[in-house]
Amino acid sequence: MIFELMPYRACFPILKVFYSAAANGNHNKDFKKEDLVLTKAEVNEGNTVKKTKSSSSRIELCDKKAKLSYTY
């Protein structure tokens, strides 16, 4: 797939969603993977997690990390 070659951060989670949707359709409803059509998939920025580290000079260092939310 084209998502395997793209250098964006959201490509790997979307690829996992594609494979998961195909496996669910094949297992639960006996659909063929070739017949499935995915109309929309997007990855949005989710909650931001703040982590603080204390240092020797009593200054707290903040590290912000954004999580991804998936919609399909």
PDB file of N, CA and C in Angstrom:
ATOM      1  N   MET A   1       0.832  -1.182   0.000  1.00  0.00           N
ATOM      2  CA  MET A   1       0.000   0.000   0.000  1.00  0.00           C
ATOM      3  C   MET A   1       0.872   1.238   0.000  1.00  0.00           C
ATOM      4  N   ILE A   2       0.279   2.329  -0.362  1.00  0.00           N
ATOM      5  CA  ILE A   2       1.023   3.585  -0.456  1.00  0.00           C
ATOM      6  C   ILE A   2       1.394   4.121   0.928  1.00  0.00           C
ATOM      7  N   PHE A   3       0.622   3.751   1.968  1.00  0.00           N
ATOM      8  CA  PHE A   3       0.916   4.240   3.312  1.00  0.00           C
ATOM      9  C   PHE A   3       2.215   3.669   3.861  1.00  0.00           C
ATOM     10  N   GLU A   4       2.662   2.545   3.353  1.00  0.00           N
ATOM     11  CA  GLU A   4       3.915   1.969   3.824  1.00  0.00           C
ATOM     12  C   GLU A   4       5.116   2.798   3.383  1.00  0.00           C
ATOM     13  N   LEU A   5       4.971   3.571   2.322  1.00  0.00           N
ATOM     14  CA  LEU A   5       6.091   4.326   1.770  1.00  0.00           C
ATOM     15  C   LEU A   5       6.093   5.795   2.176  1.00  0.00           C
ATOM     16  N   MET A   6       5.006   6.281   2.761  1.00  0.00           N
ATOM     17  CA  MET A   6       4.912   7.697   3.108  1.00  0.00           C
ATOM     18  C   MET A   6       5.580   7.955   4.456  1.00  0.00           C
ATOM     19  N   PRO A   7       6.271   9.094   4.611  1.00  0.00           N
ATOM     20  CA  PRO A   7       7.043   9.336   5.831  1.00  0.00           C
ATOM     21  C   PRO A   7       6.270  10.043   6.945  1.00  0.00           C
ATOM     22  N   TYR A   8       4.947  10.073   6.899  1.00  0.00           N
ATOM     23  CA  TYR A   8       4.186  10.823   7.882  1.00  0.00           C
ATOM     24  C   TYR A   8       3.926   9.985   9.123  1.00  0.00           C
ATOM     25  N   ARG A   9       3.727  10.653  10.251  1.00  0.00           N
ATOM     26  CA  ARG A   9       3.534   9.969  11.518  1.00  0.00           C
ATOM     27  C   ARG A   9       2.212   9.204  11.551  1.00  0.00           C
ATOM     28  N   ALA A  10       1.199   9.705  10.876  1.00  0.00           N
ATOM     29  CA  ALA A  10      -0.131   9.104  10.932  1.00  0.00           C
ATOM     30  C   ALA A  10      -0.298   7.930   9.973  1.00  0.00           C
ATOM     31  N   CYS A  11       0.658   7.656   9.119  1.00  0.00           N
ATOM     32  CA  CYS A  11       0.494   6.595   8.117  1.00  0.00           C
ATOM     33  C   CYS A  11       0.443   5.207   8.741  1.00  0.00           C
ATOM     34  N   PHE A  12       1.276   4.939   9.713  1.00  0.00           N
ATOM     35  CA  PHE A  12       1.290   3.610  10.317  1.00  0.00           C
ATOM     36  C   PHE A  12      -0.009   3.302  11.063  1.00  0.00           C
ATOM     37  N   PRO A  13      -0.566   4.240  11.870  1.00  0.00           N
ATOM     38  CA  PRO A  13      -1.859   3.938  12.502  1.00  0.00           C
ATOM     39  C   PRO A  13      -2.995   3.754  11.501  1.00  0.00           C
ATOM     40  N   ILE A  14      -3.012   4.519  10.412  1.00  0.00           N
ATOM     41  CA  ILE A  14      -4.060   4.343   9.402  1.00  0.00           C
ATOM     42  C   ILE A  14      -3.899   2.989   8.726  1.00  0.00           C
ATOM     43  N   LEU A  15      -2.677   2.575   8.475  1.00  0.00           N
ATOM     44  CA  LEU A  15      -2.436   1.258   7.881  1.00  0.00           C
ATOM     45  C   LEU A  15      -2.914   0.146   8.811  1.00  0.00           C
ATOM     46  N   LYS A  16      -2.686   0.308  10.109  1.00  0.00           N
ATOM     47  CA  LYS A  16      -3.187  -0.665  11.066  1.00  0.00           C
ATOM     48  C   LYS A  16      -4.711  -0.698  11.082  1.00  0.00           C
ATOM     49  N   VAL A  17      -5.348   0.472  10.918  1.00  0.00           N
ATOM     50  CA  VAL A  17      -6.813   0.529  10.875  1.00  0.00           C
ATOM     51  C   VAL A  17      -7.324  -0.176   9.630  1.00  0.00           C
ATOM     52  N   PHE A  18      -6.660   0.006   8.493  1.00  0.00           N
ATOM     53  CA  PHE A  18      -7.052  -0.690   7.259  1.00  0.00           C
ATOM     54  C   PHE A  18      -7.002  -2.207   7.449  1.00  0.00           C
ATOM     55  N   TYR A  19      -5.883  -2.695   7.963  1.00  0.00           N
ATOM     56  CA  TYR A  19      -5.735  -4.132   8.144  1.00  0.00           C
ATOM     57  C   TYR A  19      -6.734  -4.676   9.171  1.00  0.00           C
ATOM     58  N   SER A  20      -6.987  -3.906  10.217  1.00  0.00           N
ATOM     59  CA  SER A  20      -7.937  -4.339  11.236  1.00  0.00           C
ATOM     60  C   SER A  20      -9.353  -4.389  10.682  1.00  0.00           C
ATOM     61  N   ALA A  21      -9.741  -3.379   9.895  1.00  0.00           N
ATOM     62  CA  ALA A  21     -11.084  -3.369   9.303  1.00  0.00           C
ATOM     63  C   ALA A  21     -11.251  -4.525   8.323  1.00  0.00           C
ATOM     64  N   ALA A  22     -10.224  -4.823   7.554  1.00  0.00           N
ATOM     65  CA  ALA A  22     -10.302  -5.941   6.611  1.00  0.00           C
ATOM     66  C   ALA A  22     -10.398  -7.274   7.351  1.00  0.00           C
ATOM     67  N   ALA A  23      -9.644  -7.421   8.420  1.00  0.00           N
ATOM     68  CA  ALA A  23      -9.695  -8.664   9.191  1.00  0.00           C
ATOM     69  C   ALA A  23     -11.041  -8.824   9.888  1.00  0.00           C
ATOM     70  N   ASN A  24     -11.596  -7.720  10.410  1.00  0.00           N
ATOM     71  CA  ASN A  24     -12.900  -7.796  11.068  1.00  0.00           C
ATOM     72  C   ASN A  24     -13.995  -8.139  10.072  1.00  0.00           C
ATOM     73  N   GLY A  25     -13.958  -7.538   8.897  1.00  0.00           N
ATOM     74  CA  GLY A  25     -14.961  -7.845   7.880  1.00  0.00           C
ATOM     75  C   GLY A  25     -14.865  -9.278   7.401  1.00  0.00           C
ATOM     76  N   ASN A  26     -13.656  -9.768   7.283  1.00  0.00           N
ATOM     77  CA  ASN A  26     -13.450 -11.145   6.841  1.00  0.00           C
ATOM     78  C   ASN A  26     -13.897 -12.140   7.913  1.00  0.00           C
ATOM     79  N   HIS A  27     -13.599 -11.846   9.163  1.00  0.00           N
ATOM     80  CA  HIS A  27     -13.911 -12.783  10.242  1.00  0.00           C
ATOM     81  C   HIS A  27     -15.381 -12.726  10.649  1.00  0.00           C
ATOM     82  N   ASN A  28     -15.931 -11.524  10.826  1.00  0.00           N
ATOM     83  CA  ASN A  28     -17.278 -11.400  11.380  1.00  0.00           C
ATOM     84  C   ASN A  28     -18.377 -11.580  10.337  1.00  0.00           C
ATOM     85  N   LYS A  29     -18.194 -11.062   9.138  1.00  0.00           N
ATOM     86  CA  LYS A  29     -19.261 -11.071   8.138  1.00  0.00           C
ATOM     87  C   LYS A  29     -18.936 -11.908   6.910  1.00  0.00           C
ATOM     88  N   ASP A  30     -17.802 -12.574   6.886  1.00  0.00           N
ATOM     89  CA  ASP A  30     -17.365 -13.397   5.747  1.00  0.00           C
ATOM     90  C   ASP A  30     -17.262 -12.605   4.442  1.00  0.00           C
ATOM     91  N   PHE A  31     -16.798 -11.353   4.538  1.00  0.00           N
ATOM     92  CA  PHE A  31     -16.546 -10.549   3.343  1.00  0.00           C
ATOM     93  C   PHE A  31     -15.170 -10.903   2.794  1.00  0.00           C
ATOM     94  N   LYS A  32     -14.990 -10.715   1.511  1.00  0.00           N
ATOM     95  CA  LYS A  32     -13.664 -10.873   0.922  1.00  0.00           C
ATOM     96  C   LYS A  32     -12.912  -9.556   1.074  1.00  0.00           C
ATOM     97  N   LYS A  33     -11.611  -9.642   1.289  1.00  0.00           N
ATOM     98  CA  LYS A  33     -10.810  -8.431   1.457  1.00  0.00           C
ATOM     99  C   LYS A  33     -10.776  -7.594   0.185  1.00  0.00           C
ATOM    100  N   GLU A  34     -10.884  -8.235  -0.962  1.00  0.00           N
ATOM    101  CA  GLU A  34     -10.832  -7.516  -2.234  1.00  0.00           C
ATOM    102  C   GLU A  34     -12.105  -6.712  -2.482  1.00  0.00           C
ATOM    103  N   ASP A  35     -13.219  -7.100  -1.858  1.00  0.00           N
ATOM    104  CA  ASP A  35     -14.492  -6.433  -2.101  1.00  0.00           C
ATOM    105  C   ASP A  35     -14.768  -5.281  -1.140  1.00  0.00           C
ATOM    106  N   LEU A  36     -13.967  -5.131  -0.103  1.00  0.00           N
ATOM    107  CA  LEU A  36     -14.213  -4.088   0.888  1.00  0.00           C
ATOM    108  C   LEU A  36     -13.770  -2.730   0.361  1.00  0.00           C
ATOM    109  N   VAL A  37     -14.556  -1.698   0.673  1.00  0.00           N
ATOM    110  CA  VAL A  37     -14.234  -0.324   0.280  1.00  0.00           C
ATOM    111  C   VAL A  37     -14.244   0.532   1.536  1.00  0.00           C
ATOM    112  N   LEU A  38     -13.140   1.173   1.810  1.00  0.00           N
ATOM    113  CA  LEU A  38     -13.049   2.080   2.946  1.00  0.00           C
ATOM    114  C   LEU A  38     -13.246   3.491   2.424  1.00  0.00           C
ATOM    115  N   THR A  39     -14.271   4.170   2.899  1.00  0.00           N
ATOM    116  CA  THR A  39     -14.614   5.475   2.337  1.00  0.00           C
ATOM    117  C   THR A  39     -13.889   6.620   3.020  1.00  0.00           C
ATOM    118  N   LYS A  40     -13.577   6.480   4.305  1.00  0.00           N
ATOM    119  CA  LYS A  40     -12.960   7.603   5.003  1.00  0.00           C
ATOM    120  C   LYS A  40     -12.137   7.084   6.177  1.00  0.00           C
ATOM    121  N   ALA A  41     -10.944   7.607   6.327  1.00  0.00           N
ATOM    122  CA  ALA A  41     -10.105   7.315   7.489  1.00  0.00           C
ATOM    123  C   ALA A  41      -9.296   8.559   7.792  1.00  0.00           C
ATOM    124  N   GLU A  42      -9.305   8.979   9.040  1.00  0.00           N
ATOM    125  CA  GLU A  42      -8.541  10.166   9.412  1.00  0.00           C
ATOM    126  C   GLU A  42      -7.952   9.974  10.797  1.00  0.00           C
ATOM    127  N   VAL A  43      -6.850  10.644  11.024  1.00  0.00           N
ATOM    128  CA  VAL A  43      -6.190  10.618  12.321  1.00  0.00           C
ATOM    129  C   VAL A  43      -6.117  12.048  12.809  1.00  0.00           C
ATOM    130  N   ASN A  44      -6.692  12.283  13.973  1.00  0.00           N
ATOM    131  CA  ASN A  44      -6.700  13.615  14.562  1.00  0.00           C
ATOM    132  C   ASN A  44      -5.801  13.631  15.785  1.00  0.00           C
ATOM    133  N   GLU A  45      -5.385  14.839  16.149  1.00  0.00           N
ATOM    134  CA  GLU A  45      -4.570  14.971  17.346  1.00  0.00           C
ATOM    135  C   GLU A  45      -5.463  14.795  18.558  1.00  0.00           C
ATOM    136  N   GLY A  46      -5.085  13.928  19.440  1.00  0.00           N
ATOM    137  CA  GLY A  46      -5.877  13.643  20.629  1.00  0.00           C
ATOM    138  C   GLY A  46      -5.410  14.470  21.813  1.00  0.00           C
ATOM    139  N   ASN A  47      -5.552  13.913  22.996  1.00  0.00           N
ATOM    140  CA  ASN A  47      -5.166  14.596  24.220  1.00  0.00           C
ATOM    141  C   ASN A  47      -3.653  14.735  24.299  1.00  0.00           C
ATOM    142  N   THR A  48      -3.211  15.824  24.910  1.00  0.00           N
ATOM    143  CA  THR A  48      -1.793  16.045  25.120  1.00  0.00           C
ATOM    144  C   THR A  48      -1.441  15.635  26.544  1.00  0.00           C
ATOM    145  N   VAL A  49      -0.458  14.793  26.681  1.00  0.00           N
ATOM    146  CA  VAL A  49      -0.029  14.315  27.987  1.00  0.00           C
ATOM    147  C   VAL A  49       1.178  15.135  28.412  1.00  0.00           C
ATOM    148  N   LYS A  50       1.097  15.727  29.606  1.00  0.00           N
ATOM    149  CA  LYS A  50       2.207  16.512  30.123  1.00  0.00           C
ATOM    150  C   LYS A  50       2.944  15.696  31.180  1.00  0.00           C
ATOM    151  N   LYS A  51       4.236  15.587  31.006  1.00  0.00           N
ATOM    152  CA  LYS A  51       5.068  14.898  31.980  1.00  0.00           C
ATOM    153  C   LYS A  51       6.070  15.906  32.527  1.00  0.00           C
ATOM    154  N   THR A  52       6.222  15.936  33.831  1.00  0.00           N
ATOM    155  CA  THR A  52       7.170  16.868  34.438  1.00  0.00           C
ATOM    156  C   THR A  52       8.317  16.091  35.066  1.00  0.00           C
ATOM    157  N   LYS A  53       9.477  16.663  34.963  1.00  0.00           N
ATOM    158  CA  LYS A  53      10.667  16.100  35.583  1.00  0.00           C
ATOM    159  C   LYS A  53      11.258  17.168  36.493  1.00  0.00           C
ATOM    160  N   SER A  54      11.607  16.790  37.689  1.00  0.00           N
ATOM    161  CA  SER A  54      12.244  17.752  38.577  1.00  0.00           C
ATOM    162  C   SER A  54      13.753  17.700  38.347  1.00  0.00           C
ATOM    163  N   SER A  55      14.356  18.851  38.430  1.00  0.00           N
ATOM    164  CA  SER A  55      15.803  18.920  38.238  1.00  0.00           C
ATOM    165  C   SER A  55      16.450  19.432  39.519  1.00  0.00           C
ATOM    166  N   SER A  56      17.737  19.533  39.524  1.00  0.00           N
ATOM    167  CA  SER A  56      18.460  19.896  40.736  1.00  0.00           C
ATOM    168  C   SER A  56      18.263  21.359  41.123  1.00  0.00           C
ATOM    169  N   SER A  57      17.940  22.209  40.181  1.00  0.00           N
ATOM    170  CA  SER A  57      17.785  23.627  40.505  1.00  0.00           C
ATOM    171  C   SER A  57      16.326  23.994  40.757  1.00  0.00           C
ATOM    172  N   ARG A  58      15.488  23.012  41.081  1.00  0.00           N
ATOM    173  CA  ARG A  58      14.073  23.186  41.403  1.00  0.00           C
ATOM    174  C   ARG A  58      13.261  23.778  40.256  1.00  0.00           C
ATOM    175  N   ILE A  59      13.714  23.567  39.061  1.00  0.00           N
ATOM    176  CA  ILE A  59      12.959  23.979  37.880  1.00  0.00           C
ATOM    177  C   ILE A  59      12.368  22.716  37.279  1.00  0.00           C
ATOM    178  N   GLU A  60      11.065  22.738  37.065  1.00  0.00           N
ATOM    179  CA  GLU A  60      10.423  21.564  36.491  1.00  0.00           C
ATOM    180  C   GLU A  60      10.482  21.638  34.975  1.00  0.00           C
ATOM    181  N   LEU A  61      10.898  20.570  34.371  1.00  0.00           N
ATOM    182  CA  LEU A  61      10.960  20.490  32.927  1.00  0.00           C
ATOM    183  C   LEU A  61       9.706  19.791  32.428  1.00  0.00           C
ATOM    184  N   CYS A  62       8.981  20.442  31.524  1.00  0.00           N
ATOM    185  CA  CYS A  62       7.749  19.869  30.993  1.00  0.00           C
ATOM    186  C   CYS A  62       8.026  19.213  29.652  1.00  0.00           C
ATOM    187  N   ASP A  63       7.458  18.062  29.474  1.00  0.00           N
ATOM    188  CA  ASP A  63       7.545  17.341  28.214  1.00  0.00           C
ATOM    189  C   ASP A  63       6.123  17.067  27.753  1.00  0.00           C
ATOM    190  N   LYS A  64       5.743  17.629  26.606  1.00  0.00           N
ATOM    191  CA  LYS A  64       4.395  17.441  26.083  1.00  0.00           C
ATOM    192  C   LYS A  64       4.429  16.422  24.958  1.00  0.00           C
ATOM    193  N   LYS A  65       3.527  15.470  25.011  1.00  0.00           N
ATOM    194  CA  LYS A  65       3.463  14.445  23.986  1.00  0.00           C
ATOM    195  C   LYS A  65       2.017  14.318  23.538  1.00  0.00           C
ATOM    196  N   ALA A  66       1.786  14.478  22.241  1.00  0.00           N
ATOM    197  CA  ALA A  66       0.431  14.397  21.706  1.00  0.00           C
ATOM    198  C   ALA A  66       0.102  12.959  21.341  1.00  0.00           C
ATOM    199  N   LYS A  67      -1.106  12.552  21.670  1.00  0.00           N
ATOM    200  CA  LYS A  67      -1.585  11.227  21.291  1.00  0.00           C
ATOM    201  C   LYS A  67      -2.451  11.361  20.056  1.00  0.00           C
ATOM    202  N   LEU A  68      -2.672  10.274  19.358  1.00  0.00           N
ATOM    203  CA  LEU A  68      -3.475  10.273  18.142  1.00  0.00           C
ATOM    204  C   LEU A  68      -4.813   9.609  18.414  1.00  0.00           C
ATOM    205  N   SER A  69      -5.866  10.164  17.814  1.00  0.00           N
ATOM    206  CA  SER A  69      -7.173   9.509  17.882  1.00  0.00           C
ATOM    207  C   SER A  69      -7.558   9.096  16.474  1.00  0.00           C
ATOM    208  N   TYR A  70      -8.184   7.938  16.357  1.00  0.00           N
ATOM    209  CA  TYR A  70      -8.480   7.356  15.056  1.00  0.00           C
ATOM    210  C   TYR A  70      -9.974   7.402  14.795  1.00  0.00           C
ATOM    211  N   THR A  71     -10.340   7.727  13.571  1.00  0.00           N
ATOM    212  CA  THR A  71     -11.735   7.719  13.151  1.00  0.00           C
ATOM    213  C   THR A  71     -11.812   6.993  11.825  1.00  0.00           C
ATOM    214  N   TYR A  72     -12.704   6.040  11.742  1.00  0.00           N
ATOM    215  CA  TYR A  72     -12.915   5.353  10.477  1.00  0.00           C
ATOM    216  C   TYR A  72     -14.343   4.937  10.352  1.00  0.00           C
TER     217      TYR A  72
END
